[in-house]
C-alpha atoms as a PDB file:
ATOM      1  CA  UNK A   1      -9.188 -60.421 -33.310  1.00  0.00           C
ATOM      2  CA  UNK A   2     -10.486 -61.670 -30.008  1.00  0.00           C
ATOM      3  CA  UNK A   3     -14.234 -61.535 -29.319  1.00  0.00           C
ATOM      4  CA  UNK A   4     -15.114 -60.988 -25.680  1.00  0.00           C
ATOM      5  CA  UNK A   5     -17.882 -60.013 -23.285  1.00  0.00           C
ATOM      6  CA  UNK A   6     -17.042 -57.182 -20.898  1.00  0.00           C
ATOM      7  CA  UNK A   7     -19.120 -55.903 -17.988  1.00  0.00           C
ATOM      8  CA  UNK A   8     -20.368 -52.369 -17.405  1.00  0.00           C
ATOM      9  CA  UNK A   9     -22.668 -51.762 -14.428  1.00  0.00           C
ATOM     10  CA  UNK A  10     -22.954 -55.573 -14.146  1.00  0.00           C
ATOM     11  CA  UNK A  11     -24.387 -55.778 -17.665  1.00  0.00           C
ATOM     12  CA  UNK A  12     -22.787 -57.475 -20.680  1.00  0.00           C
ATOM     13  CA  UNK A  13     -21.166 -55.422 -23.434  1.00  0.00           C
ATOM     14  CA  UNK A  14     -19.871 -57.131 -26.565  1.00  0.00           C
ATOM     15  CA  UNK A  15     -16.275 -56.231 -27.399  1.00  0.00           C
ATOM     16  CA  UNK A  16     -13.543 -57.110 -29.870  1.00  0.00           C
ATOM     17  CA  UNK A  17      -9.794 -56.830 -29.239  1.00  0.00           C
ATOM     18  CA  UNK A  18      -7.780 -55.723 -32.287  1.00  0.00           C
ATOM     19  CA  UNK A  19      -4.277 -57.066 -31.679  1.00  0.00           C
ATOM     20  CA  UNK A  20      -2.744 -55.181 -34.599  1.00  0.00           C
ATOM     21  CA  UNK A  21      -3.876 -51.758 -33.335  1.00  0.00           C
ATOM     22  CA  UNK A  22      -3.877 -52.715 -29.627  1.00  0.00           C
ATOM     23  CA  UNK A  23      -7.430 -51.391 -29.148  1.00  0.00           C
ATOM     24  CA  UNK A  24     -10.752 -52.592 -27.778  1.00  0.00           C
ATOM     25  CA  UNK A  25     -13.890 -51.914 -29.804  1.00  0.00           C
ATOM     26  CA  UNK A  26     -17.190 -51.960 -27.891  1.00  0.00           C
ATOM     27  CA  UNK A  27     -20.750 -52.361 -29.113  1.00  0.00           C
ATOM     28  CA  UNK A  28     -22.369 -48.922 -29.119  1.00  0.00           C
ATOM     29  CA  UNK A  29     -25.828 -50.539 -29.087  1.00  0.00           C
ATOM     30  CA  UNK A  30     -24.972 -52.397 -25.858  1.00  0.00           C
ATOM     31  CA  UNK A  31     -23.595 -49.244 -24.174  1.00  0.00           C
ATOM     32  CA  UNK A  32     -26.602 -47.114 -25.227  1.00  0.00           C
ATOM     33  CA  UNK A  33     -28.949 -49.818 -23.946  1.00  0.00           C
ATOM     34  CA  UNK A  34     -27.240 -49.811 -20.557  1.00  0.00           C
ATOM     35  CA  UNK A  35     -27.198 -46.020 -20.272  1.00  0.00           C
ATOM     36  CA  UNK A  36     -30.898 -45.805 -21.223  1.00  0.00           C
ATOM     37  CA  UNK A  37     -31.770 -48.779 -19.011  1.00  0.00           C
ATOM     38  CA  UNK A  38     -33.260 -50.724 -21.942  1.00  0.00           C
ATOM     39  CA  UNK A  39     -33.989 -54.379 -21.243  1.00  0.00           C
ATOM     40  CA  UNK A  40     -33.956 -55.316 -24.928  1.00  0.00           C
ATOM     41  CA  UNK A  41     -30.995 -54.598 -27.226  1.00  0.00           C
ATOM     42  CA  UNK A  42     -33.374 -54.196 -30.178  1.00  0.00           C
ATOM     43  CA  UNK A  43     -34.989 -51.191 -28.485  1.00  0.00           C
ATOM     44  CA  UNK A  44     -31.527 -49.771 -27.772  1.00  0.00           C
ATOM     45  CA  UNK A  45     -30.730 -50.075 -31.489  1.00  0.00           C
ATOM     46  CA  UNK A  46     -33.494 -47.597 -32.271  1.00  0.00           C
ATOM     47  CA  UNK A  47     -31.372 -44.794 -30.835  1.00  0.00           C
END
């Protein structure tokens, strides 16, 4: 697995590349935080 930081709307989203399945997995908490314009990932985790 490869751990990476990707960008969405110029904000960081944690991601992991699974070589075996050829898929990216993204942090839902990071994506929700961006969509809800949360400054703090802990607040985004409350959703």
